[in-house]
Protein backbone atom coordinates (compact mmCIF):
# COMPACT_ATOMS: atom_id res chain seq x y z
CA UNK A 1 0.00 0.00 0.00
CA UNK A 2 1.33 3.46 -0.92
CA UNK A 3 2.52 5.70 1.90
CA UNK A 4 -0.01 8.49 2.56
CA UNK A 5 0.62 11.97 1.25
CA UNK A 6 -1.71 13.36 3.93
CA UNK A 7 -3.04 12.02 7.23
CA UNK A 8 -6.46 13.40 8.18
CA UNK A 9 -7.68 13.01 11.78
CA UNK A 10 -11.43 12.89 12.39
CA UNK A 11 -12.13 13.37 16.14
CA UNK A 12 -15.39 11.69 17.15
CA UNK A 13 -17.23 11.90 20.46
CA UNK A 14 -20.66 10.22 20.49
CA UNK A 15 -20.94 10.64 16.72
CA UNK A 16 -22.57 7.29 16.04
CA UNK A 17 -25.38 8.96 14.10
CA UNK A 18 -23.48 11.47 11.98
CA UNK A 19 -20.06 9.88 11.47
CA UNK A 20 -21.23 6.84 9.41
CA UNK A 21 -22.84 9.10 6.82
CA UNK A 22 -19.72 11.28 6.60
CA UNK A 23 -17.33 8.31 6.41
CA UNK A 24 -19.50 6.79 3.69
CA UNK A 25 -19.33 10.02 1.69
CA UNK A 26 -15.56 10.28 2.15
CA UNK A 27 -15.17 6.73 0.88
CA UNK A 28 -17.35 7.35 -2.15
CA UNK A 29 -15.74 10.66 -3.12
CA UNK A 30 -12.14 9.53 -2.70
CA UNK A 31 -12.83 6.34 -4.65
CA UNK A 32 -14.46 8.23 -7.51
CA UNK A 33 -12.04 11.16 -7.82
CA UNK A 34 -8.26 11.16 -8.23
CA UNK A 35 -6.32 12.26 -5.14
CA UNK A 36 -2.95 11.59 -3.53
CA UNK A 37 -3.03 8.79 -0.93
CA UNK A 38 -4.94 9.78 2.20
CA UNK A 39 -4.85 8.14 5.63
CA UNK A 40 -8.11 8.82 7.48
CA UNK A 41 -7.70 8.37 11.24
CA UNK A 42 -10.95 8.30 13.21
CA UNK A 43 -10.18 8.95 16.88
CA UNK A 44 -12.93 7.90 19.28
CA UNK A 45 -12.65 10.41 22.13
CA UNK A 46 -14.15 8.21 24.84
CA UNK A 47 -17.60 7.79 23.28
CA UNK A 48 -20.42 5.82 24.92
CA UNK A 49 -20.38 2.12 24.00
CA UNK A 50 -23.39 2.38 21.66
CA UNK A 51 -21.78 5.22 19.70
CA UNK A 52 -18.34 3.58 19.77
CA UNK A 53 -19.78 0.42 18.21
CA UNK A 54 -21.36 2.35 15.33
CA UNK A 55 -18.23 4.47 14.80
CA UNK A 56 -15.90 1.49 14.66
CA UNK A 57 -18.25 -0.42 12.36
CA UNK A 58 -18.43 2.38 9.79
CA UNK A 59 -14.63 2.67 9.72
CA UNK A 60 -14.22 -1.08 9.22
CA UNK A 61 -16.82 -1.02 6.44
CA UNK A 62 -15.05 1.89 4.74
CA UNK A 63 -11.72 0.11 4.85
CA UNK A 64 -13.29 -3.02 3.40
CA UNK A 65 -14.63 -0.98 0.48
CA UNK A 66 -11.24 0.63 -0.11
CA UNK A 67 -9.47 -2.73 0.03
CA UNK A 68 -11.92 -4.27 -2.44
CA UNK A 69 -11.17 -1.45 -4.90
CA UNK A 70 -7.39 -1.70 -4.34
CA UNK A 71 -7.41 1.94 -3.27
CA UNK A 72 -4.30 3.76 -2.02
CA UNK A 73 -6.44 5.43 0.68
CA UNK A 74 -7.05 3.83 4.04
CA UNK A 75 -9.11 4.22 7.21
CA UNK A 76 -7.87 3.45 10.73
CA UNK A 77 -9.66 3.62 14.07
CA UNK A 78 -8.07 4.75 17.33
CA UNK A 79 -9.86 4.66 20.69
CA UNK A 80 -8.81 7.11 23.39
CA UNK A 81 -8.97 5.67 26.91
CA UNK A 82 -11.38 8.42 28.04
CA UNK A 83 -12.96 11.65 26.87
CA UNK A 84 -10.44 14.48 27.00
CA UNK A 85 -11.66 16.85 24.30
CA UNK A 86 -11.38 17.52 20.60
CA UNK A 87 -7.87 18.97 20.83
CA UNK A 88 -6.54 15.93 22.69
CA UNK A 89 -8.17 13.57 20.19
CA UNK A 90 -6.60 15.40 17.25
CA UNK A 91 -3.14 15.28 18.84
CA UNK A 92 -3.56 11.58 19.56
CA UNK A 93 -4.39 10.97 15.91
CA UNK A 94 -1.45 13.02 14.68
CA UNK A 95 0.94 11.09 16.89
CA UNK A 96 -0.28 7.85 15.35
CA UNK A 97 -0.15 9.13 11.77
CA UNK A 98 2.27 7.78 9.23
CA UNK A 99 5.74 9.33 9.67
CA UNK A 100 5.91 9.62 5.87
CA UNK A 101 2.93 11.99 5.51
CA UNK A 102 3.76 15.36 3.97
CA UNK A 103 0.68 16.97 5.53
CA UNK A 104 -1.19 16.45 8.80
CA UNK A 105 -4.80 17.58 8.94
CA UNK A 106 -8.09 17.34 10.79
CA UNK A 107 -11.74 17.65 9.83
CA UNK A 108 -14.84 17.64 12.03
CA UNK A 109 -16.88 14.44 12.17
CA UNK A 110 -20.32 16.02 11.79
CA UNK A 111 -20.19 16.41 8.01
CA UNK A 112 -20.69 20.19 8.07
CA UNK A 113 -17.66 20.25 5.77
CA UNK A 114 -18.53 17.86 2.97
CA UNK A 115 -16.37 15.11 1.55
CA UNK A 116 -16.24 17.07 -1.71
CA UNK A 117 -14.82 20.12 0.06
CA UNK A 118 -12.19 18.07 1.88
CA UNK A 119 -11.21 16.49 -1.43
CA UNK A 120 -10.81 19.99 -2.91
CA UNK A 121 -8.45 21.02 -0.10
CA UNK A 122 -6.43 17.80 -0.42
CA UNK A 123 -6.02 18.49 -4.13
CA UNK A 124 -4.93 22.04 -3.31
CA UNK A 125 -2.25 20.78 -0.92
CA UNK A 126 -0.76 18.70 -3.75
CA UNK A 127 -0.86 21.56 -6.27
CA UNK A 128 1.76 24.21 -7.05
CA UNK A 129 -0.06 26.54 -4.63
CA UNK A 130 0.26 23.92 -1.92
CA UNK A 131 4.01 23.70 -2.44
CA UNK A 132 4.28 27.40 -1.49
CA UNK A 133 2.04 27.07 1.57
CA UNK A 134 2.39 25.60 5.06
CA UNK A 135 -1.16 26.00 6.41
CA UNK A 136 -4.40 25.57 4.46
CA UNK A 137 -7.37 26.54 6.59
CA UNK A 138 -11.01 26.34 5.61
CA UNK A 139 -13.00 29.51 6.17
CA UNK A 140 -16.76 30.04 6.51
CA UNK A 141 -16.85 33.26 4.55
CA UNK A 142 -19.45 33.98 1.89
CA UNK A 143 -17.75 34.60 -1.43
CA UNK A 144 -18.88 34.06 -4.98
CA UNK A 145 -19.80 30.42 -5.51
CA UNK A 146 -19.65 29.46 -1.84
CA UNK A 147 -22.52 28.39 0.46
CA UNK A 148 -22.55 28.77 4.25
CA UNK A 149 -25.65 27.69 6.20
CA UNK A 150 -25.81 28.43 9.94
CA UNK A 151 -28.11 30.29 12.29
CA UNK A 152 -27.65 33.97 13.02
CA UNK A 153 -26.77 33.43 16.69
CA UNK A 154 -23.85 31.14 15.86
CA UNK A 155 -22.64 33.54 13.19
CA UNK A 156 -22.69 36.55 15.54
CA UNK A 157 -21.07 34.61 18.38
CA UNK A 158 -18.38 33.50 15.95
CA UNK A 159 -17.66 37.06 14.80
CA UNK A 160 -17.35 38.31 18.40
CA UNK A 161 -14.97 35.48 19.19
CA UNK A 162 -12.95 36.17 16.02
CA UNK A 163 -12.57 39.81 17.06
CA UNK A 164 -11.36 38.82 20.54
CA UNK A 165 -8.96 36.32 19.03
CA UNK A 166 -7.42 38.83 16.65
CA UNK A 167 -7.04 41.46 19.37
CA UNK A 168 -5.11 38.94 21.49
CA UNK A 169 -3.06 37.07 18.88
CA UNK A 170 -2.97 39.17 15.67
CA UNK A 171 -3.41 36.07 13.52
CA UNK A 172 -5.22 37.99 10.75
CA UNK A 173 -7.58 35.05 10.19
CA UNK A 174 -11.24 35.59 9.37
CA UNK A 175 -12.29 32.21 10.81
CA UNK A 176 -9.87 30.47 13.16
CA UNK A 177 -12.50 27.95 14.31
CA UNK A 178 -13.53 26.39 10.99
CA UNK A 179 -13.27 22.64 11.45
CA UNK A 180 -10.76 21.76 8.73
CA UNK A 181 -7.05 22.56 8.61
CA UNK A 182 -4.08 21.09 6.75
CA UNK A 183 -0.58 21.73 8.11
CA UNK A 184 2.79 20.85 6.65
CA UNK A 185 3.99 17.92 8.73
CA UNK A 186 7.62 19.08 8.95
CA UNK A 187 6.46 22.21 10.81
CA UNK A 188 3.76 20.55 12.92
CA UNK A 189 5.56 17.47 14.24
CA UNK A 190 8.11 19.45 16.33
CA UNK A 191 5.19 21.26 18.00
CA UNK A 192 3.30 18.15 19.13
CA UNK A 193 5.11 18.13 22.49
CA UNK A 194 4.35 21.84 22.96
CA UNK A 195 0.61 21.85 22.20
CA UNK A 196 -1.51 21.73 25.36
CA UNK A 197 -5.07 22.80 24.51
CA UNK A 198 -7.51 19.92 24.94
CA UNK A 199 -10.63 21.37 23.36
CA UNK A 200 -11.66 24.10 20.90
CA UNK A 201 -8.71 26.44 21.47
CA UNK A 202 -6.28 24.02 19.83
CA UNK A 203 -6.88 25.86 16.52
CA UNK A 204 -5.68 29.16 17.95
CA UNK A 205 -2.78 27.65 19.88
CA UNK A 206 -1.65 25.86 16.73
CA UNK A 207 -1.97 28.90 14.45
CA UNK A 208 -0.19 31.16 16.95
CA UNK A 209 2.76 28.79 17.28
CA UNK A 210 2.97 28.21 13.54
CA UNK A 211 3.00 31.96 12.98
CA UNK A 212 5.97 32.26 15.35
CA UNK A 213 7.70 29.56 13.32
CA UNK A 214 7.26 31.52 10.10
CA UNK A 215 4.51 29.40 8.56
CA UNK A 216 2.88 30.61 5.36
CA UNK A 217 -0.91 30.40 5.60
CA UNK A 218 -3.93 30.75 3.37
CA UNK A 219 -7.63 30.69 4.20
CA UNK A 220 -9.81 28.99 1.60
CA UNK A 221 -13.56 29.77 1.58
CA UNK A 222 -15.53 26.54 1.73
CA UNK A 223 -19.12 25.33 1.65
CA UNK A 224 -20.35 24.64 5.18
CA UNK A 225 -23.72 23.55 6.54
CA UNK A 226 -24.83 23.22 10.15
CA UNK A 227 -26.72 19.93 10.48
CA UNK A 228 -27.55 20.53 14.15
CA UNK A 229 -26.41 18.53 17.15
CA UNK A 230 -23.58 20.92 18.00
CA UNK A 231 -21.84 20.20 21.31
CA UNK A 232 -21.22 23.91 21.86
CA UNK A 233 -23.33 25.27 24.77
CA UNK A 234 -24.50 28.81 23.84
CA UNK A 235 -23.27 31.44 26.27
CA UNK A 236 -21.43 29.09 28.63
CA UNK A 237 -18.88 27.87 26.11
CA UNK A 238 -18.47 31.44 24.87
CA UNK A 239 -17.40 32.50 28.37
CA UNK A 240 -15.12 29.48 28.71
CA UNK A 241 -13.42 30.28 25.42
CA UNK A 242 -13.05 33.97 26.36
CA UNK A 243 -11.23 33.13 29.58
CA UNK A 244 -9.37 30.40 27.75
CA UNK A 245 -8.03 32.97 25.28
CA UNK A 246 -6.58 35.04 28.10
CA UNK A 247 -4.94 32.00 29.73
CA UNK A 248 -3.59 30.82 26.37
CA UNK A 249 -2.07 34.22 25.57
CA UNK A 250 -0.29 34.36 28.92
CA UNK A 251 1.03 30.83 28.53
CA UNK A 252 2.31 31.39 25.00
CA UNK A 253 4.01 34.64 26.07
CA UNK A 254 6.15 32.57 28.44
CA UNK A 255 6.80 29.75 25.98
CA UNK A 256 10.13 29.44 24.19
CA UNK A 257 10.25 27.55 20.92
CA UNK A 258 13.32 25.99 19.30
CA UNK A 259 14.80 27.92 16.41
CA UNK A 260 13.62 26.82 12.95
CA UNK A 261 15.78 24.24 11.21
CA UNK A 262 18.58 25.67 9.03
CA UNK A 263 17.27 26.75 5.66
CA UNK A 264 13.64 26.97 6.81
CA UNK A 265 13.70 30.61 7.98
CA UNK A 266 11.03 32.69 6.31
CA UNK A 267 8.86 35.65 7.13
CA UNK A 268 5.47 34.68 8.52
CA UNK A 269 2.70 35.71 6.16
CA UNK A 270 -0.75 36.86 7.27
CA UNK A 271 -3.47 34.49 6.22
CA UNK A 272 -4.84 35.40 2.83
CA UNK A 273 -8.44 34.65 1.89
CA UNK A 274 -8.65 33.15 -1.56
CA UNK A 275 -11.38 31.48 -3.52
CA UNK A 276 -9.02 29.42 -5.64
CA UNK A 277 -6.41 28.52 -3.06
CA UNK A 278 -3.68 30.57 -4.76
CA UNK A 279 -2.25 33.93 -3.82
């Protein structure tokens, strides 16, 4: 079996209803359309037994379909010993990813980001634009040809949080919390022992550290649809994330990172928003 070009972690906590549909769509799309080899790693973040059974079964079924078609893609299933949060599940998956992967990525398990959109970003990472980029981040921004479906409350809460994030970290991202990101593995792997955030703030911690390392980033507008069932608690989680931002900023201010490897020094670029994935 070919070594994967990209390893994509799918963190799943009690996603027995939504994950099978999404995994089925991923299998169909990546079988039908050309793409570099992808390793999909579903990480069960301490789900209840009934959900864990459904999650594992859909991964095994997907791998059987890929094997029958002699596909270069593959699905693997990893079970965390207990629920620790989305950020912890993603890091667990990255640690178990193939050491040969050029890119490490994650995508949410709920299917809000479709299999077609993930395929588009994977193709972008393998293109000439991808060769000049270190971070490819999906962005829920309405541009020509894009479709974003979510309720007004979530949109407004997201914009307030984005403003607070930019005032604290100067990341120049429109949407730090969109649930799909691809990161060049050579830059990410040295940071795995430094990352600490266990839940939603992993995105910001990761982007802030990558910026300090000189990573080149682009935001790519994607189609996104809220299917309901969000685990975010309105109001309460907003307060938690606000205080979490302050704690994260203080921690990162005290954190020293190793110097970039020789020959990798480059000026960090602000995230550009592009419809095509090229600057």
